[in-house]
Amino acid sequence: MVTAYECESCYTVVYTEGKEKPFCPICRGRMLEKEESIPKKAKKITCPKCDREFYMMREPFKCPFCDYNFSLGTYW
């Protein structure tokens, strides 16, 4: 089951499976669980460092789980 999390600072939404709570992949802020289904346009992203998968509507700056830095322009 996919759970949605929204950043309380920049309002970025991350969709992920599992129980581990992510940090914001844009500003590193705290994320709160949100009742929202995953949009059809959300892109699946796999972190090359920790192999965790998550979905976003925009390009991530960091992995929400392990702090890996994504190069800008690599997923979109």
PDB file of N, CA and C in Angstrom:
ATOM      1  N   MET A   1       0.835  -1.181   0.000  1.00  0.00           N
ATOM      2  CA  MET A   1       0.000   0.000   0.000  1.00  0.00           C
ATOM      3  C   MET A   1       0.883   1.249   0.000  1.00  0.00           C
ATOM      4  N   VAL A   2       0.563   2.186  -0.850  1.00  0.00           N
ATOM      5  CA  VAL A   2       1.341   3.417  -0.966  1.00  0.00           C
ATOM      6  C   VAL A   2       0.767   4.469  -0.019  1.00  0.00           C
ATOM      7  N   THR A   3       1.653   5.119   0.735  1.00  0.00           N
ATOM      8  CA  THR A   3       1.265   6.177   1.661  1.00  0.00           C
ATOM      9  C   THR A   3       1.813   7.500   1.161  1.00  0.00           C
ATOM     10  N   ALA A   4       1.017   8.554   1.282  1.00  0.00           N
ATOM     11  CA  ALA A   4       1.443   9.892   0.882  1.00  0.00           C
ATOM     12  C   ALA A   4       1.951  10.647   2.107  1.00  0.00           C
ATOM     13  N   TYR A   5       3.040  11.389   1.911  1.00  0.00           N
ATOM     14  CA  TYR A   5       3.591  12.247   2.952  1.00  0.00           C
ATOM     15  C   TYR A   5       3.788  13.635   2.363  1.00  0.00           C
ATOM     16  N   GLU A   6       3.405  14.679   3.129  1.00  0.00           N
ATOM     17  CA  GLU A   6       3.546  16.056   2.662  1.00  0.00           C
ATOM     18  C   GLU A   6       4.475  16.813   3.603  1.00  0.00           C
ATOM     19  N   CYS A   7       5.401  17.580   3.025  1.00  0.00           N
ATOM     20  CA  CYS A   7       6.337  18.379   3.810  1.00  0.00           C
ATOM     21  C   CYS A   7       5.579  19.539   4.447  1.00  0.00           C
ATOM     22  N   GLU A   8       5.802  19.758   5.744  1.00  0.00           N
ATOM     23  CA  GLU A   8       5.107  20.848   6.413  1.00  0.00           C
ATOM     24  C   GLU A   8       5.724  22.210   6.094  1.00  0.00           C
ATOM     25  N   SER A   9       6.891  22.230   5.451  1.00  0.00           N
ATOM     26  CA  SER A   9       7.540  23.500   5.100  1.00  0.00           C
ATOM     27  C   SER A   9       7.290  23.911   3.655  1.00  0.00           C
ATOM     28  N   CYS A  10       7.584  23.025   2.707  1.00  0.00           N
ATOM     29  CA  CYS A  10       7.487  23.392   1.285  1.00  0.00           C
ATOM     30  C   CYS A  10       6.331  22.697   0.564  1.00  0.00           C
ATOM     31  N   TYR A  11       5.595  21.836   1.268  1.00  0.00           N
ATOM     32  CA  TYR A  11       4.398  21.154   0.754  1.00  0.00           C
ATOM     33  C   TYR A  11       4.668  20.167  -0.382  1.00  0.00           C
ATOM     34  N   THR A  12       5.905  19.713  -0.509  1.00  0.00           N
ATOM     35  CA  THR A  12       6.227  18.655  -1.462  1.00  0.00           C
ATOM     36  C   THR A  12       5.582  17.359  -0.982  1.00  0.00           C
ATOM     37  N   VAL A  13       5.037  16.581  -1.901  1.00  0.00           N
ATOM     38  CA  VAL A  13       4.395  15.311  -1.546  1.00  0.00           C
ATOM     39  C   VAL A  13       5.223  14.154  -2.106  1.00  0.00           C
ATOM     40  N   VAL A  14       5.463  13.151  -1.259  1.00  0.00           N
ATOM     41  CA  VAL A  14       6.182  11.928  -1.625  1.00  0.00           C
ATOM     42  C   VAL A  14       5.241  10.760  -1.363  1.00  0.00           C
ATOM     43  N   TYR A  15       5.224   9.821  -2.281  1.00  0.00           N
ATOM     44  CA  TYR A  15       4.412   8.611  -2.146  1.00  0.00           C
ATOM     45  C   TYR A  15       5.376   7.445  -2.001  1.00  0.00           C
ATOM     46  N   THR A  16       5.189   6.644  -0.945  1.00  0.00           N
ATOM     47  CA  THR A  16       6.122   5.551  -0.689  1.00  0.00           C
ATOM     48  C   THR A  16       5.411   4.370  -0.038  1.00  0.00           C
ATOM     49  N   GLU A  17       6.001   3.194  -0.189  1.00  0.00           N
ATOM     50  CA  GLU A  17       5.508   1.997   0.482  1.00  0.00           C
ATOM     51  C   GLU A  17       6.383   1.756   1.701  1.00  0.00           C
ATOM     52  N   GLY A  18       5.840   1.095   2.684  1.00  0.00           N
ATOM     53  CA  GLY A  18       6.613   0.808   3.885  1.00  0.00           C
ATOM     54  C   GLY A  18       6.243   1.738   5.017  1.00  0.00           C
ATOM     55  N   LYS A  19       6.835   1.470   6.176  1.00  0.00           N
ATOM     56  CA  LYS A  19       6.473   2.217   7.377  1.00  0.00           C
ATOM     57  C   LYS A  19       7.487   3.281   7.768  1.00  0.00           C
ATOM     58  N   GLU A  20       8.641   3.290   7.117  1.00  0.00           N
ATOM     59  CA  GLU A  20       9.665   4.281   7.450  1.00  0.00           C
ATOM     60  C   GLU A  20       9.226   5.658   6.961  1.00  0.00           C
ATOM     61  N   LYS A  21       9.240   6.634   7.858  1.00  0.00           N
ATOM     62  CA  LYS A  21       8.807   7.984   7.522  1.00  0.00           C
ATOM     63  C   LYS A  21       9.936   8.718   6.789  1.00  0.00           C
ATOM     64  N   PRO A  22       9.646   9.274   5.615  1.00  0.00           N
ATOM     65  CA  PRO A  22      10.693   9.963   4.847  1.00  0.00           C
ATOM     66  C   PRO A  22      10.927  11.390   5.323  1.00  0.00           C
ATOM     67  N   PHE A  23      12.057  11.954   4.935  1.00  0.00           N
ATOM     68  CA  PHE A  23      12.315  13.384   5.073  1.00  0.00           C
ATOM     69  C   PHE A  23      12.037  14.017   3.721  1.00  0.00           C
ATOM     70  N   CYS A  24      11.789  15.312   3.696  1.00  0.00           N
ATOM     71  CA  CYS A  24      11.478  15.977   2.438  1.00  0.00           C
ATOM     72  C   CYS A  24      12.672  15.893   1.487  1.00  0.00           C
ATOM     73  N   PRO A  25      12.468  15.420   0.256  1.00  0.00           N
ATOM     74  CA  PRO A  25      13.562  15.314  -0.709  1.00  0.00           C
ATOM     75  C   PRO A  25      13.956  16.649  -1.335  1.00  0.00           C
ATOM     76  N   ILE A  26      13.259  17.719  -0.988  1.00  0.00           N
ATOM     77  CA  ILE A  26      13.573  19.045  -1.512  1.00  0.00           C
ATOM     78  C   ILE A  26      14.244  19.905  -0.442  1.00  0.00           C
ATOM     79  N   CYS A  27      13.587  20.075   0.720  1.00  0.00           N
ATOM     80  CA  CYS A  27      14.119  20.993   1.744  1.00  0.00           C
ATOM     81  C   CYS A  27      14.586  20.284   3.014  1.00  0.00           C
ATOM     82  N   ARG A  28      14.433  18.951   3.079  1.00  0.00           N
ATOM     83  CA  ARG A  28      14.823  18.118   4.228  1.00  0.00           C
ATOM     84  C   ARG A  28      13.942  18.351   5.449  1.00  0.00           C
ATOM     85  N   GLY A  29      12.788  18.982   5.260  1.00  0.00           N
ATOM     86  CA  GLY A  29      11.861  19.234   6.362  1.00  0.00           C
ATOM     87  C   GLY A  29      11.130  17.975   6.807  1.00  0.00           C
ATOM     88  N   ARG A  30      10.357  18.134   7.868  1.00  0.00           N
ATOM     89  CA  ARG A  30       9.573  17.031   8.425  1.00  0.00           C
ATOM     90  C   ARG A  30       8.347  16.787   7.546  1.00  0.00           C
ATOM     91  N   MET A  31       8.026  15.511   7.347  1.00  0.00           N
ATOM     92  CA  MET A  31       6.886  15.155   6.513  1.00  0.00           C
ATOM     93  C   MET A  31       5.790  14.540   7.366  1.00  0.00           C
ATOM     94  N   LEU A  32       4.558  14.893   7.025  1.00  0.00           N
ATOM     95  CA  LEU A  32       3.396  14.399   7.745  1.00  0.00           C
ATOM     96  C   LEU A  32       2.556  13.530   6.816  1.00  0.00           C
ATOM     97  N   GLU A  33       2.012  12.461   7.380  1.00  0.00           N
ATOM     98  CA  GLU A  33       1.184  11.562   6.579  1.00  0.00           C
ATOM     99  C   GLU A  33      -0.067  12.294   6.102  1.00  0.00           C
ATOM    100  N   LYS A  34      -0.444  12.010   4.867  1.00  0.00           N
ATOM    101  CA  LYS A  34      -1.571  12.700   4.240  1.00  0.00           C
ATOM    102  C   LYS A  34      -2.433  11.660   3.534  1.00  0.00           C
ATOM    103  N   GLU A  35      -3.739  11.825   3.607  1.00  0.00           N
ATOM    104  CA  GLU A  35      -4.640  10.903   2.913  1.00  0.00           C
ATOM    105  C   GLU A  35      -4.829  11.388   1.491  1.00  0.00           C
ATOM    106  N   GLU A  36      -4.128  10.754   0.588  1.00  0.00           N
ATOM    107  CA  GLU A  36      -4.172  11.121  -0.826  1.00  0.00           C
ATOM    108  C   GLU A  36      -3.730   9.913  -1.632  1.00  0.00           C
ATOM    109  N   SER A  37      -4.396   9.665  -2.733  1.00  0.00           N
ATOM    110  CA  SER A  37      -3.981   8.554  -3.592  1.00  0.00           C
ATOM    111  C   SER A  37      -2.906   9.037  -4.561  1.00  0.00           C
ATOM    112  N   ILE A  38      -2.131   8.105  -5.043  1.00  0.00           N
ATOM    113  CA  ILE A  38      -1.011   8.449  -5.922  1.00  0.00           C
ATOM    114  C   ILE A  38      -1.541   8.887  -7.295  1.00  0.00           C
ATOM    115  N   PRO A  39      -1.118  10.041  -7.793  1.00  0.00           N
ATOM    116  CA  PRO A  39      -1.571  10.488  -9.118  1.00  0.00           C
ATOM    117  C   PRO A  39      -0.981   9.626 -10.233  1.00  0.00           C
ATOM    118  N   LYS A  40      -1.684   9.531 -11.327  1.00  0.00           N
ATOM    119  CA  LYS A  40      -1.212   8.731 -12.460  1.00  0.00           C
ATOM    120  C   LYS A  40       0.063   9.296 -13.067  1.00  0.00           C
ATOM    121  N   LYS A  41       0.287  10.602 -12.939  1.00  0.00           N
ATOM    122  CA  LYS A  41       1.468  11.243 -13.533  1.00  0.00           C
ATOM    123  C   LYS A  41       2.701  11.203 -12.628  1.00  0.00           C
ATOM    124  N   ALA A  42       2.558  10.651 -11.414  1.00  0.00           N
ATOM    125  CA  ALA A  42       3.707  10.569 -10.507  1.00  0.00           C
ATOM    126  C   ALA A  42       4.764   9.642 -11.098  1.00  0.00           C
ATOM    127  N   LYS A  43       6.021  10.041 -10.956  1.00  0.00           N
ATOM    128  CA  LYS A  43       7.126   9.246 -11.509  1.00  0.00           C
ATOM    129  C   LYS A  43       7.757   8.388 -10.414  1.00  0.00           C
ATOM    130  N   LYS A  44       8.055   7.149 -10.774  1.00  0.00           N
ATOM    131  CA  LYS A  44       8.719   6.230  -9.851  1.00  0.00           C
ATOM    132  C   LYS A  44      10.209   6.520  -9.881  1.00  0.00           C
ATOM    133  N   ILE A  45      10.789   6.676  -8.705  1.00  0.00           N
ATOM    134  CA  ILE A  45      12.211   6.981  -8.582  1.00  0.00           C
ATOM    135  C   ILE A  45      12.845   5.923  -7.684  1.00  0.00           C
ATOM    136  N   THR A  46      13.981   5.400  -8.102  1.00  0.00           N
ATOM    137  CA  THR A  46      14.736   4.441  -7.307  1.00  0.00           C
ATOM    138  C   THR A  46      16.071   5.063  -6.945  1.00  0.00           C
ATOM    139  N   CYS A  47      16.380   5.101  -5.666  1.00  0.00           N
ATOM    140  CA  CYS A  47      17.651   5.664  -5.215  1.00  0.00           C
ATOM    141  C   CYS A  47      18.781   4.692  -5.562  1.00  0.00           C
ATOM    142  N   PRO A  48      19.832   5.163  -6.236  1.00  0.00           N
ATOM    143  CA  PRO A  48      20.945   4.272  -6.585  1.00  0.00           C
ATOM    144  C   PRO A  48      21.798   3.856  -5.385  1.00  0.00           C
ATOM    145  N   LYS A  49      21.662   4.572  -4.258  1.00  0.00           N
ATOM    146  CA  LYS A  49      22.469   4.246  -3.080  1.00  0.00           C
ATOM    147  C   LYS A  49      21.774   3.229  -2.169  1.00  0.00           C
ATOM    148  N   CYS A  50      20.501   3.479  -1.836  1.00  0.00           N
ATOM    149  CA  CYS A  50      19.815   2.601  -0.881  1.00  0.00           C
ATOM    150  C   CYS A  50      18.753   1.705  -1.522  1.00  0.00           C
ATOM    151  N   ASP A  51      18.526   1.853  -2.829  1.00  0.00           N
ATOM    152  CA  ASP A  51      17.557   1.052  -3.586  1.00  0.00           C
ATOM    153  C   ASP A  51      16.107   1.228  -3.131  1.00  0.00           C
ATOM    154  N   ARG A  52      15.812   2.269  -2.358  1.00  0.00           N
ATOM    155  CA  ARG A  52      14.424   2.538  -1.968  1.00  0.00           C
ATOM    156  C   ARG A  52      13.687   3.161  -3.140  1.00  0.00           C
ATOM    157  N   GLU A  53      12.423   2.819  -3.286  1.00  0.00           N
ATOM    158  CA  GLU A  53      11.591   3.366  -4.354  1.00  0.00           C
ATOM    159  C   GLU A  53      10.574   4.325  -3.761  1.00  0.00           C
ATOM    160  N   PHE A  54      10.336   5.409  -4.466  1.00  0.00           N
ATOM    161  CA  PHE A  54       9.317   6.370  -4.063  1.00  0.00           C
ATOM    162  C   PHE A  54       8.801   7.057  -5.311  1.00  0.00           C
ATOM    163  N   TYR A  55       7.694   7.741  -5.176  1.00  0.00           N
ATOM    164  CA  TYR A  55       7.048   8.413  -6.302  1.00  0.00           C
ATOM    165  C   TYR A  55       6.918   9.897  -5.988  1.00  0.00           C
ATOM    166  N   MET A  56       7.142  10.722  -7.021  1.00  0.00           N
ATOM    167  CA  MET A  56       7.016  12.173  -6.862  1.00  0.00           C
ATOM    168  C   MET A  56       6.484  12.785  -8.148  1.00  0.00           C
ATOM    169  N   MET A  57       5.972  13.996  -8.023  1.00  0.00           N
ATOM    170  CA  MET A  57       5.497  14.747  -9.183  1.00  0.00           C
ATOM    171  C   MET A  57       6.577  15.688  -9.707  1.00  0.00           C
ATOM    172  N   ARG A  58       7.656  15.864  -8.958  1.00  0.00           N
ATOM    173  CA  ARG A  58       8.769  16.719  -9.381  1.00  0.00           C
ATOM    174  C   ARG A  58      10.086  16.009  -9.100  1.00  0.00           C
ATOM    175  N   GLU A  59      11.151  16.546  -9.638  1.00  0.00           N
ATOM    176  CA  GLU A  59      12.465  15.921  -9.481  1.00  0.00           C
ATOM    177  C   GLU A  59      12.987  16.096  -8.049  1.00  0.00           C
ATOM    178  N   PRO A  60      13.510  15.034  -7.425  1.00  0.00           N
ATOM    179  CA  PRO A  60      14.039  15.151  -6.063  1.00  0.00           C
ATOM    180  C   PRO A  60      15.431  15.777  -6.050  1.00  0.00           C
ATOM    181  N   PHE A  61      15.754  16.414  -4.933  1.00  0.00           N
ATOM    182  CA  PHE A  61      17.103  16.920  -4.706  1.00  0.00           C
ATOM    183  C   PHE A  61      17.912  15.880  -3.933  1.00  0.00           C
ATOM    184  N   LYS A  62      17.281  15.253  -2.941  1.00  0.00           N
ATOM    185  CA  LYS A  62      17.923  14.217  -2.134  1.00  0.00           C
ATOM    186  C   LYS A  62      16.971  13.041  -1.970  1.00  0.00           C
ATOM    187  N   CYS A  63      17.533  11.887  -1.680  1.00  0.00           N
ATOM    188  CA  CYS A  63      16.715  10.722  -1.364  1.00  0.00           C
ATOM    189  C   CYS A  63      16.026  10.989  -0.023  1.00  0.00           C
ATOM    190  N   PRO A  64      14.726  10.727   0.088  1.00  0.00           N
ATOM    191  CA  PRO A  64      14.037  10.982   1.352  1.00  0.00           C
ATOM    192  C   PRO A  64      14.404  10.012   2.476  1.00  0.00           C
ATOM    193  N   PHE A  65      15.232   9.012   2.173  1.00  0.00           N
ATOM    194  CA  PHE A  65      15.595   8.020   3.183  1.00  0.00           C
ATOM    195  C   PHE A  65      17.078   8.016   3.542  1.00  0.00           C
ATOM    196  N   CYS A  66      17.975   8.153   2.551  1.00  0.00           N
ATOM    197  CA  CYS A  66      19.406   7.992   2.846  1.00  0.00           C
ATOM    198  C   CYS A  66      20.243   9.246   2.591  1.00  0.00           C
ATOM    199  N   ASP A  67      19.637  10.331   2.124  1.00  0.00           N
ATOM    200  CA  ASP A  67      20.347  11.598   1.894  1.00  0.00           C
ATOM    201  C   ASP A  67      21.206  11.617   0.632  1.00  0.00           C
ATOM    202  N   TYR A  68      21.052  10.632  -0.247  1.00  0.00           N
ATOM    203  CA  TYR A  68      21.795  10.631  -1.509  1.00  0.00           C
ATOM    204  C   TYR A  68      21.426  11.872  -2.317  1.00  0.00           C
ATOM    205  N   ASN A  69      22.432  12.555  -2.894  1.00  0.00           N
ATOM    206  CA  ASN A  69      22.197  13.732  -3.740  1.00  0.00           C
ATOM    207  C   ASN A  69      21.946  13.299  -5.175  1.00  0.00           C
ATOM    208  N   PHE A  70      20.778  13.632  -5.697  1.00  0.00           N
ATOM    209  CA  PHE A  70      20.487  13.402  -7.110  1.00  0.00           C
ATOM    210  C   PHE A  70      21.050  14.570  -7.902  1.00  0.00           C
ATOM    211  N   SER A  71      21.636  14.297  -9.061  1.00  0.00           N
ATOM    212  CA  SER A  71      22.087  15.367  -9.949  1.00  0.00           C
ATOM    213  C   SER A  71      20.855  16.005 -10.569  1.00  0.00           C
ATOM    214  N   LEU A  72      20.833  17.305 -10.638  1.00  0.00           N
ATOM    215  CA  LEU A  72      19.685  17.980 -11.231  1.00  0.00           C
ATOM    216  C   LEU A  72      19.591  17.622 -12.700  1.00  0.00           C
ATOM    217  N   GLY A  73      18.400  17.330 -13.148  1.00  0.00           N
ATOM    218  CA  GLY A  73      18.184  16.990 -14.546  1.00  0.00           C
ATOM    219  C   GLY A  73      18.399  15.528 -14.885  1.00  0.00           C
ATOM    220  N   THR A  74      18.469  14.647 -13.887  1.00  0.00           N
ATOM    221  CA  THR A  74      18.727  13.237 -14.174  1.00  0.00           C
ATOM    222  C   THR A  74      17.454  12.427 -14.358  1.00  0.00           C
ATOM    223  N   TYR A  75      16.357  12.816 -13.762  1.00  0.00           N
ATOM    224  CA  TYR A  75      15.128  12.034 -13.850  1.00  0.00           C
ATOM    225  C   TYR A  75      14.109  12.624 -14.799  1.00  0.00           C
ATOM    226  N   TRP A  76      14.209  13.912 -15.101  1.00  0.00           N
ATOM    227  CA  TRP A  76      13.222  14.536 -15.981  1.00  0.00           C
ATOM    228  C   TRP A  76      13.861  15.004 -17.237  1.00  0.00           C
TER     229      TRP A  76
END
